[in-house]
PDB file of N, CA and C in Angstrom:
ATOM      1  N   MET A   1      -1.289  32.553   4.413  1.00  0.00           N
ATOM      2  CA  MET A   1      -1.427  31.188   3.936  1.00  0.00           C
ATOM      3  C   MET A   1      -0.544  30.983   2.711  1.00  0.00           C
ATOM      4  N   ARG A   2       0.184  29.873   2.692  1.00  0.00           N
ATOM      5  CA  ARG A   2       1.089  29.613   1.581  1.00  0.00           C
ATOM      6  C   ARG A   2       0.315  29.187   0.333  1.00  0.00           C
ATOM      7  N   PRO A   3       0.888  29.447  -0.851  1.00  0.00           N
ATOM      8  CA  PRO A   3       0.217  28.992  -2.069  1.00  0.00           C
ATOM      9  C   PRO A   3       0.164  27.466  -2.105  1.00  0.00           C
ATOM     10  N   ARG A   4      -0.817  26.941  -2.766  1.00  0.00           N
ATOM     11  CA  ARG A   4      -1.002  25.488  -2.862  1.00  0.00           C
ATOM     12  C   ARG A   4       0.104  24.900  -3.731  1.00  0.00           C
ATOM     13  N   ILE A   5       0.865  24.001  -3.151  1.00  0.00           N
ATOM     14  CA  ILE A   5       1.985  23.359  -3.834  1.00  0.00           C
ATOM     15  C   ILE A   5       1.505  22.028  -4.388  1.00  0.00           C
ATOM     16  N   SER A   6       1.867  21.732  -5.642  1.00  0.00           N
ATOM     17  CA  SER A   6       1.455  20.488  -6.295  1.00  0.00           C
ATOM     18  C   SER A   6       2.550  19.443  -6.177  1.00  0.00           C
ATOM     19  N   VAL A   7       2.168  18.255  -5.677  1.00  0.00           N
ATOM     20  CA  VAL A   7       3.113  17.171  -5.442  1.00  0.00           C
ATOM     21  C   VAL A   7       2.678  15.941  -6.231  1.00  0.00           C
ATOM     22  N   LEU A   8       3.604  15.383  -7.009  1.00  0.00           N
ATOM     23  CA  LEU A   8       3.371  14.123  -7.707  1.00  0.00           C
ATOM     24  C   LEU A   8       3.796  12.988  -6.788  1.00  0.00           C
ATOM     25  N   LEU A   9       2.868  12.070  -6.510  1.00  0.00           N
ATOM     26  CA  LEU A   9       3.142  10.912  -5.658  1.00  0.00           C
ATOM     27  C   LEU A   9       3.219   9.672  -6.525  1.00  0.00           C
ATOM     28  N   VAL A  10       4.320   8.943  -6.417  1.00  0.00           N
ATOM     29  CA  VAL A  10       4.495   7.711  -7.174  1.00  0.00           C
ATOM     30  C   VAL A  10       4.675   6.586  -6.174  1.00  0.00           C
ATOM     31  N   ASN A  11       3.760   5.612  -6.216  1.00  0.00           N
ATOM     32  CA  ASN A  11       3.801   4.528  -5.248  1.00  0.00           C
ATOM     33  C   ASN A  11       2.967   3.369  -5.790  1.00  0.00           C
ATOM     34  N   ARG A  12       3.525   2.175  -5.844  1.00  0.00           N
ATOM     35  CA  ARG A  12       2.806   0.998  -6.363  1.00  0.00           C
ATOM     36  C   ARG A  12       1.694   0.535  -5.435  1.00  0.00           C
ATOM     37  N   ASN A  13       1.808   0.815  -4.162  1.00  0.00           N
ATOM     38  CA  ASN A  13       0.815   0.375  -3.185  1.00  0.00           C
ATOM     39  C   ASN A  13      -0.309   1.408  -3.131  1.00  0.00           C
ATOM     40  N   GLN A  14      -1.476   1.020  -3.657  1.00  0.00           N
ATOM     41  CA  GLN A  14      -2.601   1.952  -3.762  1.00  0.00           C
ATOM     42  C   GLN A  14      -3.014   2.510  -2.399  1.00  0.00           C
ATOM     43  N   ARG A  15      -3.034   1.678  -1.388  1.00  0.00           N
ATOM     44  CA  ARG A  15      -3.438   2.141  -0.054  1.00  0.00           C
ATOM     45  C   ARG A  15      -2.446   3.172   0.486  1.00  0.00           C
ATOM     46  N   ASN A  16      -1.159   2.906   0.352  1.00  0.00           N
ATOM     47  CA  ASN A  16      -0.151   3.881   0.793  1.00  0.00           C
ATOM     48  C   ASN A  16      -0.273   5.184   0.012  1.00  0.00           C
ATOM     49  N   LEU A  17      -0.570   5.056  -1.270  1.00  0.00           N
ATOM     50  CA  LEU A  17      -0.749   6.235  -2.114  1.00  0.00           C
ATOM     51  C   LEU A  17      -1.918   7.084  -1.600  1.00  0.00           C
ATOM     52  N   GLU A  18      -3.010   6.427  -1.274  1.00  0.00           N
ATOM     53  CA  GLU A  18      -4.188   7.134  -0.762  1.00  0.00           C
ATOM     54  C   GLU A  18      -3.898   7.798   0.587  1.00  0.00           C
ATOM     55  N   LEU A  19      -3.218   7.081   1.472  1.00  0.00           N
ATOM     56  CA  LEU A  19      -2.899   7.638   2.790  1.00  0.00           C
ATOM     57  C   LEU A  19      -1.979   8.853   2.672  1.00  0.00           C
ATOM     58  N   LEU A  20      -0.980   8.743   1.816  1.00  0.00           N
ATOM     59  CA  LEU A  20      -0.047   9.847   1.627  1.00  0.00           C
ATOM     60  C   LEU A  20      -0.751  11.048   0.997  1.00  0.00           C
ATOM     61  N   ALA A  21      -1.585  10.794   0.000  1.00  0.00           N
ATOM     62  CA  ALA A  21      -2.335  11.884  -0.634  1.00  0.00           C
ATOM     63  C   ALA A  21      -3.236  12.569   0.383  1.00  0.00           C
ATOM     64  N   ALA A  22      -3.898  11.795   1.235  1.00  0.00           N
ATOM     65  CA  ALA A  22      -4.778  12.372   2.256  1.00  0.00           C
ATOM     66  C   ALA A  22      -3.984  13.220   3.246  1.00  0.00           C
ATOM     67  N   SER A  23      -2.829  12.719   3.670  1.00  0.00           N
ATOM     68  CA  SER A  23      -1.991  13.469   4.614  1.00  0.00           C
ATOM     69  C   SER A  23      -1.507  14.774   4.005  1.00  0.00           C
ATOM     70  N   LEU A  24      -1.063  14.723   2.771  1.00  0.00           N
ATOM     71  CA  LEU A  24      -0.574  15.935   2.111  1.00  0.00           C
ATOM     72  C   LEU A  24      -1.713  16.918   1.847  1.00  0.00           C
ATOM     73  N   SER A  25      -2.856  16.401   1.424  1.00  0.00           N
ATOM     74  CA  SER A  25      -4.010  17.268   1.170  1.00  0.00           C
ATOM     75  C   SER A  25      -4.439  17.987   2.442  1.00  0.00           C
ATOM     76  N   LYS A  26      -4.426  17.266   3.552  1.00  0.00           N
ATOM     77  CA  LYS A  26      -4.788  17.848   4.847  1.00  0.00           C
ATOM     78  C   LYS A  26      -3.855  19.007   5.205  1.00  0.00           C
ATOM     79  N   GLU A  27      -2.621  18.930   4.746  1.00  0.00           N
ATOM     80  CA  GLU A  27      -1.640  19.991   5.014  1.00  0.00           C
ATOM     81  C   GLU A  27      -1.676  21.098   3.958  1.00  0.00           C
ATOM     82  N   GLY A  28      -2.608  20.990   2.997  1.00  0.00           N
ATOM     83  CA  GLY A  28      -2.773  22.056   2.016  1.00  0.00           C
ATOM     84  C   GLY A  28      -2.084  21.842   0.685  1.00  0.00           C
ATOM     85  N   TYR A  29      -1.553  20.661   0.447  1.00  0.00           N
ATOM     86  CA  TYR A  29      -0.888  20.368  -0.818  1.00  0.00           C
ATOM     87  C   TYR A  29      -1.877  19.770  -1.819  1.00  0.00           C
ATOM     88  N   ALA A  30      -1.713  20.095  -3.081  1.00  0.00           N
ATOM     89  CA  ALA A  30      -2.452  19.427  -4.156  1.00  0.00           C
ATOM     90  C   ALA A  30      -1.627  18.210  -4.545  1.00  0.00           C
ATOM     91  N   THR A  31      -2.280  17.091  -4.837  1.00  0.00           N
ATOM     92  CA  THR A  31      -1.530  15.883  -5.165  1.00  0.00           C
ATOM     93  C   THR A  31      -2.003  15.278  -6.470  1.00  0.00           C
ATOM     94  N   TYR A  32      -1.068  14.647  -7.162  1.00  0.00           N
ATOM     95  CA  TYR A  32      -1.324  13.837  -8.345  1.00  0.00           C
ATOM     96  C   TYR A  32      -0.738  12.475  -8.039  1.00  0.00           C
ATOM     97  N   ALA A  33      -1.503  11.422  -8.278  1.00  0.00           N
ATOM     98  CA  ALA A  33      -1.068  10.083  -7.906  1.00  0.00           C
ATOM     99  C   ALA A  33      -0.753   9.241  -9.134  1.00  0.00           C
ATOM    100  N   ALA A  34       0.311   8.427  -9.004  1.00  0.00           N
ATOM    101  CA  ALA A  34       0.690   7.482 -10.053  1.00  0.00           C
ATOM    102  C   ALA A  34       1.079   6.165  -9.382  1.00  0.00           C
ATOM    103  N   ALA A  35       0.322   5.105  -9.700  1.00  0.00           N
ATOM    104  CA  ALA A  35       0.591   3.799  -9.107  1.00  0.00           C
ATOM    105  C   ALA A  35       1.293   2.853 -10.076  1.00  0.00           C
ATOM    106  N   THR A  36       1.468   3.295 -11.315  1.00  0.00           N
ATOM    107  CA  THR A  36       2.138   2.475 -12.330  1.00  0.00           C
ATOM    108  C   THR A  36       3.148   3.334 -13.080  1.00  0.00           C
ATOM    109  N   LEU A  37       4.051   2.676 -13.786  1.00  0.00           N
ATOM    110  CA  LEU A  37       5.004   3.426 -14.604  1.00  0.00           C
ATOM    111  C   LEU A  37       4.277   4.188 -15.711  1.00  0.00           C
ATOM    112  N   GLU A  38       3.216   3.597 -16.235  1.00  0.00           N
ATOM    113  CA  GLU A  38       2.446   4.267 -17.285  1.00  0.00           C
ATOM    114  C   GLU A  38       1.801   5.551 -16.759  1.00  0.00           C
ATOM    115  N   ALA A  39       1.252   5.478 -15.551  1.00  0.00           N
ATOM    116  CA  ALA A  39       0.658   6.666 -14.939  1.00  0.00           C
ATOM    117  C   ALA A  39       1.732   7.708 -14.630  1.00  0.00           C
ATOM    118  N   PHE A  40       2.910   7.253 -14.230  1.00  0.00           N
ATOM    119  CA  PHE A  40       4.040   8.150 -13.978  1.00  0.00           C
ATOM    120  C   PHE A  40       4.420   8.851 -15.284  1.00  0.00           C
ATOM    121  N   ASP A  41       4.519   8.088 -16.377  1.00  0.00           N
ATOM    122  CA  ASP A  41       4.835   8.668 -17.689  1.00  0.00           C
ATOM    123  C   ASP A  41       3.792   9.718 -18.076  1.00  0.00           C
ATOM    124  N   GLN A  42       2.527   9.386 -17.882  1.00  0.00           N
ATOM    125  CA  GLN A  42       1.436  10.311 -18.222  1.00  0.00           C
ATOM    126  C   GLN A  42       1.560  11.597 -17.416  1.00  0.00           C
ATOM    127  N   ALA A  43       1.839  11.470 -16.137  1.00  0.00           N
ATOM    128  CA  ALA A  43       1.994  12.656 -15.290  1.00  0.00           C
ATOM    129  C   ALA A  43       3.169  13.507 -15.744  1.00  0.00           C
ATOM    130  N   LEU A  44       4.258  12.862 -16.137  1.00  0.00           N
ATOM    131  CA  LEU A  44       5.425  13.611 -16.610  1.00  0.00           C
ATOM    132  C   LEU A  44       5.099  14.413 -17.873  1.00  0.00           C
ATOM    133  N   MET A  45       4.213  13.872 -18.700  1.00  0.00           N
ATOM    134  CA  MET A  45       3.855  14.546 -19.953  1.00  0.00           C
ATOM    135  C   MET A  45       2.790  15.620 -19.777  1.00  0.00           C
ATOM    136  N   THR A  46       1.884  15.438 -18.810  1.00  0.00           N
ATOM    137  CA  THR A  46       0.723  16.320 -18.759  1.00  0.00           C
ATOM    138  C   THR A  46       0.652  17.254 -17.559  1.00  0.00           C
ATOM    139  N   GLU A  47       1.292  16.935 -16.483  1.00  0.00           N
ATOM    140  CA  GLU A  47       1.154  17.733 -15.257  1.00  0.00           C
ATOM    141  C   GLU A  47       2.287  18.759 -15.152  1.00  0.00           C
ATOM    142  N   ASP A  48       2.176  19.814 -15.922  1.00  0.00           N
ATOM    143  CA  ASP A  48       3.213  20.844 -15.940  1.00  0.00           C
ATOM    144  C   ASP A  48       3.323  21.614 -14.641  1.00  0.00           C
ATOM    145  N   ASN A  49       2.262  21.623 -13.846  1.00  0.00           N
ATOM    146  CA  ASN A  49       2.287  22.425 -12.622  1.00  0.00           C
ATOM    147  C   ASN A  49       2.822  21.664 -11.414  1.00  0.00           C
ATOM    148  N   VAL A  50       3.279  20.428 -11.588  1.00  0.00           N
ATOM    149  CA  VAL A  50       3.865  19.679 -10.480  1.00  0.00           C
ATOM    150  C   VAL A  50       5.174  20.355 -10.070  1.00  0.00           C
ATOM    151  N   GLU A  51       5.267  20.688  -8.796  1.00  0.00           N
ATOM    152  CA  GLU A  51       6.441  21.407  -8.306  1.00  0.00           C
ATOM    153  C   GLU A  51       7.472  20.502  -7.657  1.00  0.00           C
ATOM    154  N   VAL A  52       7.025  19.371  -7.144  1.00  0.00           N
ATOM    155  CA  VAL A  52       7.924  18.430  -6.487  1.00  0.00           C
ATOM    156  C   VAL A  52       7.297  17.040  -6.593  1.00  0.00           C
ATOM    157  N   ALA A  53       8.139  16.009  -6.585  1.00  0.00           N
ATOM    158  CA  ALA A  53       7.646  14.628  -6.660  1.00  0.00           C
ATOM    159  C   ALA A  53       8.218  13.808  -5.509  1.00  0.00           C
ATOM    160  N   LEU A  54       7.442  12.831  -5.103  1.00  0.00           N
ATOM    161  CA  LEU A  54       7.842  11.879  -4.077  1.00  0.00           C
ATOM    162  C   LEU A  54       7.723  10.498  -4.720  1.00  0.00           C
ATOM    163  N   VAL A  55       8.866   9.847  -4.961  1.00  0.00           N
ATOM    164  CA  VAL A  55       8.910   8.599  -5.724  1.00  0.00           C
ATOM    165  C   VAL A  55       9.299   7.445  -4.814  1.00  0.00           C
ATOM    166  N   ASP A  56       8.324   6.576  -4.520  1.00  0.00           N
ATOM    167  CA  ASP A  56       8.583   5.363  -3.749  1.00  0.00           C
ATOM    168  C   ASP A  56       9.030   4.293  -4.742  1.00  0.00           C
ATOM    169  N   ILE A  57      10.272   3.862  -4.637  1.00  0.00           N
ATOM    170  CA  ILE A  57      10.833   2.933  -5.615  1.00  0.00           C
ATOM    171  C   ILE A  57      10.424   1.479  -5.364  1.00  0.00           C
ATOM    172  N   THR A  58       9.770   1.210  -4.245  1.00  0.00           N
ATOM    173  CA  THR A  58       9.377  -0.145  -3.886  1.00  0.00           C
ATOM    174  C   THR A  58       8.482  -0.765  -4.958  1.00  0.00           C
ATOM    175  N   GLY A  59       8.865  -1.942  -5.436  1.00  0.00           N
ATOM    176  CA  GLY A  59       8.036  -2.672  -6.381  1.00  0.00           C
ATOM    177  C   GLY A  59       8.222  -2.309  -7.835  1.00  0.00           C
ATOM    178  N   PHE A  60       9.017  -1.296  -8.117  1.00  0.00           N
ATOM    179  CA  PHE A  60       9.281  -0.924  -9.505  1.00  0.00           C
ATOM    180  C   PHE A  60      10.590  -1.565  -9.958  1.00  0.00           C
ATOM    181  N   ASP A  61      10.710  -1.808 -11.258  1.00  0.00           N
ATOM    182  CA  ASP A  61      11.976  -2.317 -11.784  1.00  0.00           C
ATOM    183  C   ASP A  61      12.932  -1.146 -12.006  1.00  0.00           C
ATOM    184  N   SER A  62      14.087  -1.440 -12.551  1.00  0.00           N
ATOM    185  CA  SER A  62      15.126  -0.410 -12.695  1.00  0.00           C
ATOM    186  C   SER A  62      14.735   0.720 -13.644  1.00  0.00           C
ATOM    187  N   SER A  63      13.679   0.546 -14.415  1.00  0.00           N
ATOM    188  CA  SER A  63      13.259   1.630 -15.305  1.00  0.00           C
ATOM    189  C   SER A  63      12.695   2.825 -14.531  1.00  0.00           C
ATOM    190  N   ILE A  64      12.467   2.661 -13.237  1.00  0.00           N
ATOM    191  CA  ILE A  64      12.032   3.798 -12.425  1.00  0.00           C
ATOM    192  C   ILE A  64      13.078   4.918 -12.470  1.00  0.00           C
ATOM    193  N   TRP A  65      14.347   4.524 -12.600  1.00  0.00           N
ATOM    194  CA  TRP A  65      15.424   5.527 -12.636  1.00  0.00           C
ATOM    195  C   TRP A  65      15.362   6.377 -13.900  1.00  0.00           C
ATOM    196  N   GLU A  66      14.867   5.810 -15.008  1.00  0.00           N
ATOM    197  CA  GLU A  66      14.701   6.603 -16.232  1.00  0.00           C
ATOM    198  C   GLU A  66      13.698   7.730 -15.986  1.00  0.00           C
ATOM    199  N   ARG A  67      12.628   7.416 -15.248  1.00  0.00           N
ATOM    200  CA  ARG A  67      11.625   8.440 -14.934  1.00  0.00           C
ATOM    201  C   ARG A  67      12.215   9.496 -14.003  1.00  0.00           C
ATOM    202  N   CYS A  68      13.066   9.066 -13.093  1.00  0.00           N
ATOM    203  CA  CYS A  68      13.739  10.028 -12.216  1.00  0.00           C
ATOM    204  C   CYS A  68      14.612  10.967 -13.037  1.00  0.00           C
ATOM    205  N   GLU A  69      15.277  10.415 -14.037  1.00  0.00           N
ATOM    206  CA  GLU A  69      16.084  11.252 -14.936  1.00  0.00           C
ATOM    207  C   GLU A  69      15.195  12.276 -15.656  1.00  0.00           C
ATOM    208  N   GLN A  70      14.002  11.851 -16.047  1.00  0.00           N
ATOM    209  CA  GLN A  70      13.079  12.773 -16.715  1.00  0.00           C
ATOM    210  C   GLN A  70      12.652  13.889 -15.772  1.00  0.00           C
ATOM    211  N   LEU A  71      12.438  13.543 -14.507  1.00  0.00           N
ATOM    212  CA  LEU A  71      12.133  14.584 -13.524  1.00  0.00           C
ATOM    213  C   LEU A  71      13.277  15.588 -13.437  1.00  0.00           C
ATOM    214  N   ARG A  72      14.494  15.064 -13.365  1.00  0.00           N
ATOM    215  CA  ARG A  72      15.654  15.955 -13.279  1.00  0.00           C
ATOM    216  C   ARG A  72      15.756  16.836 -14.517  1.00  0.00           C
ATOM    217  N   GLU A  73      15.593  16.237 -15.695  1.00  0.00           N
ATOM    218  CA  GLU A  73      15.699  17.000 -16.944  1.00  0.00           C
ATOM    219  C   GLU A  73      14.631  18.079 -17.054  1.00  0.00           C
ATOM    220  N   SER A  74      13.457  17.815 -16.475  1.00  0.00           N
ATOM    221  CA  SER A  74      12.391  18.812 -16.521  1.00  0.00           C
ATOM    222  C   SER A  74      12.486  19.799 -15.349  1.00  0.00           C
ATOM    223  N   ARG A  75      13.571  19.677 -14.589  1.00  0.00           N
ATOM    224  CA  ARG A  75      13.842  20.573 -13.461  1.00  0.00           C
ATOM    225  C   ARG A  75      12.775  20.497 -12.376  1.00  0.00           C
ATOM    226  N   ARG A  76      12.256  19.295 -12.165  1.00  0.00           N
ATOM    227  CA  ARG A  76      11.304  19.068 -11.083  1.00  0.00           C
ATOM    228  C   ARG A  76      12.029  18.347  -9.957  1.00  0.00           C
ATOM    229  N   PRO A  77      12.176  18.979  -8.826  1.00  0.00           N
ATOM    230  CA  PRO A  77      12.868  18.322  -7.712  1.00  0.00           C
ATOM    231  C   PRO A  77      12.039  17.146  -7.196  1.00  0.00           C
ATOM    232  N   PHE A  78      12.746  16.147  -6.693  1.00  0.00           N
ATOM    233  CA  PHE A  78      12.042  14.986  -6.153  1.00  0.00           C
ATOM    234  C   PHE A  78      12.838  14.333  -5.044  1.00  0.00           C
ATOM    235  N   LEU A  79      12.096  13.572  -4.236  1.00  0.00           N
ATOM    236  CA  LEU A  79      12.671  12.761  -3.175  1.00  0.00           C
ATOM    237  C   LEU A  79      12.361  11.307  -3.490  1.00  0.00           C
ATOM    238  N   VAL A  80      13.268  10.422  -3.151  1.00  0.00           N
ATOM    239  CA  VAL A  80      13.053   8.988  -3.304  1.00  0.00           C
ATOM    240  C   VAL A  80      12.677   8.425  -1.939  1.00  0.00           C
ATOM    241  N   VAL A  81      11.716   7.511  -1.944  1.00  0.00           N
ATOM    242  CA  VAL A  81      11.324   6.802  -0.727  1.00  0.00           C
ATOM    243  C   VAL A  81      11.785   5.359  -0.904  1.00  0.00           C
ATOM    244  N   SER A  82      12.457   4.849   0.111  1.00  0.00           N
ATOM    245  CA  SER A  82      13.021   3.500   0.055  1.00  0.00           C
ATOM    246  C   SER A  82      12.547   2.689   1.256  1.00  0.00           C
ATOM    247  N   PRO A  83      12.401   1.376   1.070  1.00  0.00           N
ATOM    248  CA  PRO A  83      11.978   0.548   2.199  1.00  0.00           C
ATOM    249  C   PRO A  83      13.079   0.309   3.228  1.00  0.00           C
ATOM    250  N   ARG A  84      14.321   0.602   2.848  1.00  0.00           N
ATOM    251  CA  ARG A  84      15.422   0.344   3.779  1.00  0.00           C
ATOM    252  C   ARG A  84      16.590   1.296   3.490  1.00  0.00           C
ATOM    253  N   GLN A  85      17.431   1.440   4.493  1.00  0.00           N
ATOM    254  CA  GLN A  85      18.655   2.220   4.352  1.00  0.00           C
ATOM    255  C   GLN A  85      19.631   1.411   3.513  1.00  0.00           C
ATOM    256  N   SER A  86      20.153   1.997   2.458  1.00  0.00           N
ATOM    257  CA  SER A  86      21.070   1.290   1.578  1.00  0.00           C
ATOM    258  C   SER A  86      21.974   2.289   0.877  1.00  0.00           C
ATOM    259  N   ALA A  87      23.266   2.038   0.946  1.00  0.00           N
ATOM    260  CA  ALA A  87      24.220   2.923   0.270  1.00  0.00           C
ATOM    261  C   ALA A  87      23.999   2.895  -1.234  1.00  0.00           C
ATOM    262  N   ALA A  88      23.660   1.725  -1.786  1.00  0.00           N
ATOM    263  CA  ALA A  88      23.431   1.609  -3.232  1.00  0.00           C
ATOM    264  C   ALA A  88      22.208   2.418  -3.662  1.00  0.00           C
ATOM    265  N   ILE A  89      21.129   2.335  -2.888  1.00  0.00           N
ATOM    266  CA  ILE A  89      19.929   3.114  -3.220  1.00  0.00           C
ATOM    267  C   ILE A  89      20.207   4.596  -3.065  1.00  0.00           C
ATOM    268  N   GLN A  90      20.914   4.969  -2.023  1.00  0.00           N
ATOM    269  CA  GLN A  90      21.283   6.373  -1.806  1.00  0.00           C
ATOM    270  C   GLN A  90      22.092   6.893  -3.000  1.00  0.00           C
ATOM    271  N   GLN A  91      23.080   6.131  -3.416  1.00  0.00           N
ATOM    272  CA  GLN A  91      23.932   6.541  -4.532  1.00  0.00           C
ATOM    273  C   GLN A  91      23.133   6.631  -5.828  1.00  0.00           C
ATOM    274  N   ALA A  92      22.310   5.623  -6.108  1.00  0.00           N
ATOM    275  CA  ALA A  92      21.506   5.638  -7.329  1.00  0.00           C
ATOM    276  C   ALA A  92      20.533   6.813  -7.323  1.00  0.00           C
ATOM    277  N   SER A  93      19.900   7.049  -6.189  1.00  0.00           N
ATOM    278  CA  SER A  93      18.940   8.146  -6.083  1.00  0.00           C
ATOM    279  C   SER A  93      19.595   9.486  -6.376  1.00  0.00           C
ATOM    280  N   LEU A  94      20.709   9.736  -5.732  1.00  0.00           N
ATOM    281  CA  LEU A  94      21.404  11.010  -5.924  1.00  0.00           C
ATOM    282  C   LEU A  94      21.966  11.145  -7.334  1.00  0.00           C
ATOM    283  N   SER A  95      22.479  10.050  -7.887  1.00  0.00           N
ATOM    284  CA  SER A  95      23.048  10.130  -9.239  1.00  0.00           C
ATOM    285  C   SER A  95      21.976  10.355 -10.301  1.00  0.00           C
ATOM    286  N   HIS A  96      20.720  10.033  -9.984  1.00  0.00           N
ATOM    287  CA  HIS A  96      19.623  10.257 -10.932  1.00  0.00           C
ATOM    288  C   HIS A  96      18.868  11.549 -10.629  1.00  0.00           C
ATOM    289  N   GLY A  97      19.379  12.331  -9.686  1.00  0.00           N
ATOM    290  CA  GLY A  97      18.839  13.666  -9.466  1.00  0.00           C
ATOM    291  C   GLY A  97      18.000  13.886  -8.237  1.00  0.00           C
ATOM    292  N   SER A  98      17.842  12.881  -7.393  1.00  0.00           N
ATOM    293  CA  SER A  98      17.027  13.039  -6.194  1.00  0.00           C
ATOM    294  C   SER A  98      17.657  14.054  -5.240  1.00  0.00           C
ATOM    295  N   ARG A  99      16.802  14.787  -4.540  1.00  0.00           N
ATOM    296  CA  ARG A  99      17.263  15.719  -3.517  1.00  0.00           C
ATOM    297  C   ARG A  99      17.570  15.009  -2.211  1.00  0.00           C
ATOM    298  N   GLY A 100      17.172  13.743  -2.125  1.00  0.00           N
ATOM    299  CA  GLY A 100      17.419  12.981  -0.915  1.00  0.00           C
ATOM    300  C   GLY A 100      16.625  11.699  -0.924  1.00  0.00           C
ATOM    301  N   VAL A 101      16.847  10.880   0.111  1.00  0.00           N
ATOM    302  CA  VAL A 101      16.155   9.603   0.255  1.00  0.00           C
ATOM    303  C   VAL A 101      15.504   9.581   1.630  1.00  0.00           C
ATOM    304  N   MET A 102      14.231   9.223   1.644  1.00  0.00           N
ATOM    305  CA  MET A 102      13.518   9.039   2.903  1.00  0.00           C
ATOM    306  C   MET A 102      13.277   7.547   3.074  1.00  0.00           C
ATOM    307  N   ILE A 103      13.487   7.072   4.296  1.00  0.00           N
ATOM    308  CA  ILE A 103      13.322   5.650   4.594  1.00  0.00           C
ATOM    309  C   ILE A 103      11.950   5.452   5.243  1.00  0.00           C
ATOM    310  N   LYS A 104      11.256   4.397   4.808  1.00  0.00           N
ATOM    311  CA  LYS A 104       9.952   4.075   5.390  1.00  0.00           C
ATOM    312  C   LYS A 104      10.132   3.475   6.773  1.00  0.00           C
ATOM    313  N   PRO A 105       9.200   3.696   7.661  1.00  0.00           N
ATOM    314  CA  PRO A 105       7.968   4.466   7.500  1.00  0.00           C
ATOM    315  C   PRO A 105       8.259   5.969   7.523  1.00  0.00           C
ATOM    316  N   LEU A 106       7.472   6.716   6.749  1.00  0.00           N
ATOM    317  CA  LEU A 106       7.668   8.152   6.648  1.00  0.00           C
ATOM    318  C   LEU A 106       7.108   8.861   7.879  1.00  0.00           C
ATOM    319  N   VAL A 107       7.794   9.919   8.253  1.00  0.00           N
ATOM    320  CA  VAL A 107       7.306  10.815   9.302  1.00  0.00           C
ATOM    321  C   VAL A 107       6.741  12.028   8.560  1.00  0.00           C
ATOM    322  N   ILE A 108       5.425  12.192   8.622  1.00  0.00           N
ATOM    323  CA  ILE A 108       4.749  13.194   7.803  1.00  0.00           C
ATOM    324  C   ILE A 108       5.261  14.610   8.074  1.00  0.00           C
ATOM    325  N   LYS A 109       5.482  14.962   9.324  1.00  0.00           N
ATOM    326  CA  LYS A 109       5.977  16.312   9.618  1.00  0.00           C
ATOM    327  C   LYS A 109       7.347  16.551   8.983  1.00  0.00           C
ATOM    328  N   GLU A 110       8.213  15.542   9.025  1.00  0.00           N
ATOM    329  CA  GLU A 110       9.529  15.656   8.390  1.00  0.00           C
ATOM    330  C   GLU A 110       9.381  15.788   6.879  1.00  0.00           C
ATOM    331  N   LEU A 111       8.484  15.001   6.308  1.00  0.00           N
ATOM    332  CA  LEU A 111       8.227  15.076   4.870  1.00  0.00           C
ATOM    333  C   LEU A 111       7.746  16.471   4.488  1.00  0.00           C
ATOM    334  N   MET A 112       6.841  17.036   5.262  1.00  0.00           N
ATOM    335  CA  MET A 112       6.319  18.376   4.980  1.00  0.00           C
ATOM    336  C   MET A 112       7.434  19.417   5.000  1.00  0.00           C
ATOM    337  N   ARG A 113       8.307  19.301   5.992  1.00  0.00           N
ATOM    338  CA  ARG A 113       9.439  20.258   6.082  1.00  0.00           C
ATOM    339  C   ARG A 113      10.349  20.125   4.866  1.00  0.00           C
ATOM    340  N   LEU A 114      10.627  18.892   4.446  1.00  0.00           N
ATOM    341  CA  LEU A 114      11.486  18.682   3.282  1.00  0.00           C
ATOM    342  C   LEU A 114      10.858  19.238   2.010  1.00  0.00           C
ATOM    343  N   ILE A 115       9.582  18.953   1.805  1.00  0.00           N
ATOM    344  CA  ILE A 115       8.896  19.472   0.614  1.00  0.00           C
ATOM    345  C   ILE A 115       8.926  20.982   0.621  1.00  0.00           C
ATOM    346  N   GLN A 116       8.619  21.593   1.751  1.00  0.00           N
ATOM    347  CA  GLN A 116       8.617  23.045   1.833  1.00  0.00           C
ATOM    348  C   GLN A 116       9.992  23.633   1.563  1.00  0.00           C
ATOM    349  N   SER A 117      11.036  23.005   2.094  1.00  0.00           N
ATOM    350  CA  SER A 117      12.395  23.533   1.867  1.00  0.00           C
ATOM    351  C   SER A 117      12.792  23.397   0.396  1.00  0.00           C
ATOM    352  N   ILE A 118      12.375  22.322  -0.246  1.00  0.00           N
ATOM    353  CA  ILE A 118      12.682  22.150  -1.673  1.00  0.00           C
ATOM    354  C   ILE A 118      11.977  23.226  -2.489  1.00  0.00           C
ATOM    355  N   VAL A 119      10.718  23.477  -2.184  1.00  0.00           N
ATOM    356  CA  VAL A 119       9.965  24.494  -2.905  1.00  0.00           C
ATOM    357  C   VAL A 119      10.573  25.875  -2.688  1.00  0.00           C
ATOM    358  N   GLU A 120      10.973  26.167  -1.462  1.00  0.00           N
ATOM    359  CA  GLU A 120      11.592  27.470  -1.169  1.00  0.00           C
ATOM    360  C   GLU A 120      12.896  27.648  -1.918  1.00  0.00           C
ATOM    361  N   GLU A 121      13.662  26.565  -2.095  1.00  0.00           N
ATOM    362  CA  GLU A 121      14.904  26.638  -2.870  1.00  0.00           C
ATOM    363  C   GLU A 121      14.634  27.031  -4.316  1.00  0.00           C
ATOM    364  N   GLN A 122      13.481  26.587  -4.843  1.00  0.00           N
ATOM    365  CA  GLN A 122      13.137  26.852  -6.244  1.00  0.00           C
ATOM    366  C   GLN A 122      12.706  28.291  -6.484  1.00  0.00           C
ATOM    367  N   GLU A 123      12.287  28.961  -5.421  1.00  0.00           N
ATOM    368  CA  GLU A 123      11.755  30.346  -5.572  1.00  0.00           C
ATOM    369  C   GLU A 123      12.850  31.350  -5.779  1.00  0.00           C
TER     370      GLU A 123
END
């Protein structure tokens, strides 16, 4: 059995946040949820054991990228979730340190494989 991996989930939609947390928990991941920028800031300051983050940029203003920079600076890998395919979002995500962009709706099995591969890269 693999060690429990901690994932920070950032998503403005509370229901989506709950569904994603439930799906990840069912697969054996520990989750921390942030539905606001303030909660995201708090998690960045206090959750030292977060190994990877999943940041849904939907509904956030451009200051979400500052938080992504903080993730990069703290050496926490993350993926960006976007509502649509966009070269601008792809470029912004990668330039702020994202390991990739996932387009909604998410495929949970694909997400699990990506999280696992990111964690394995860190080992």
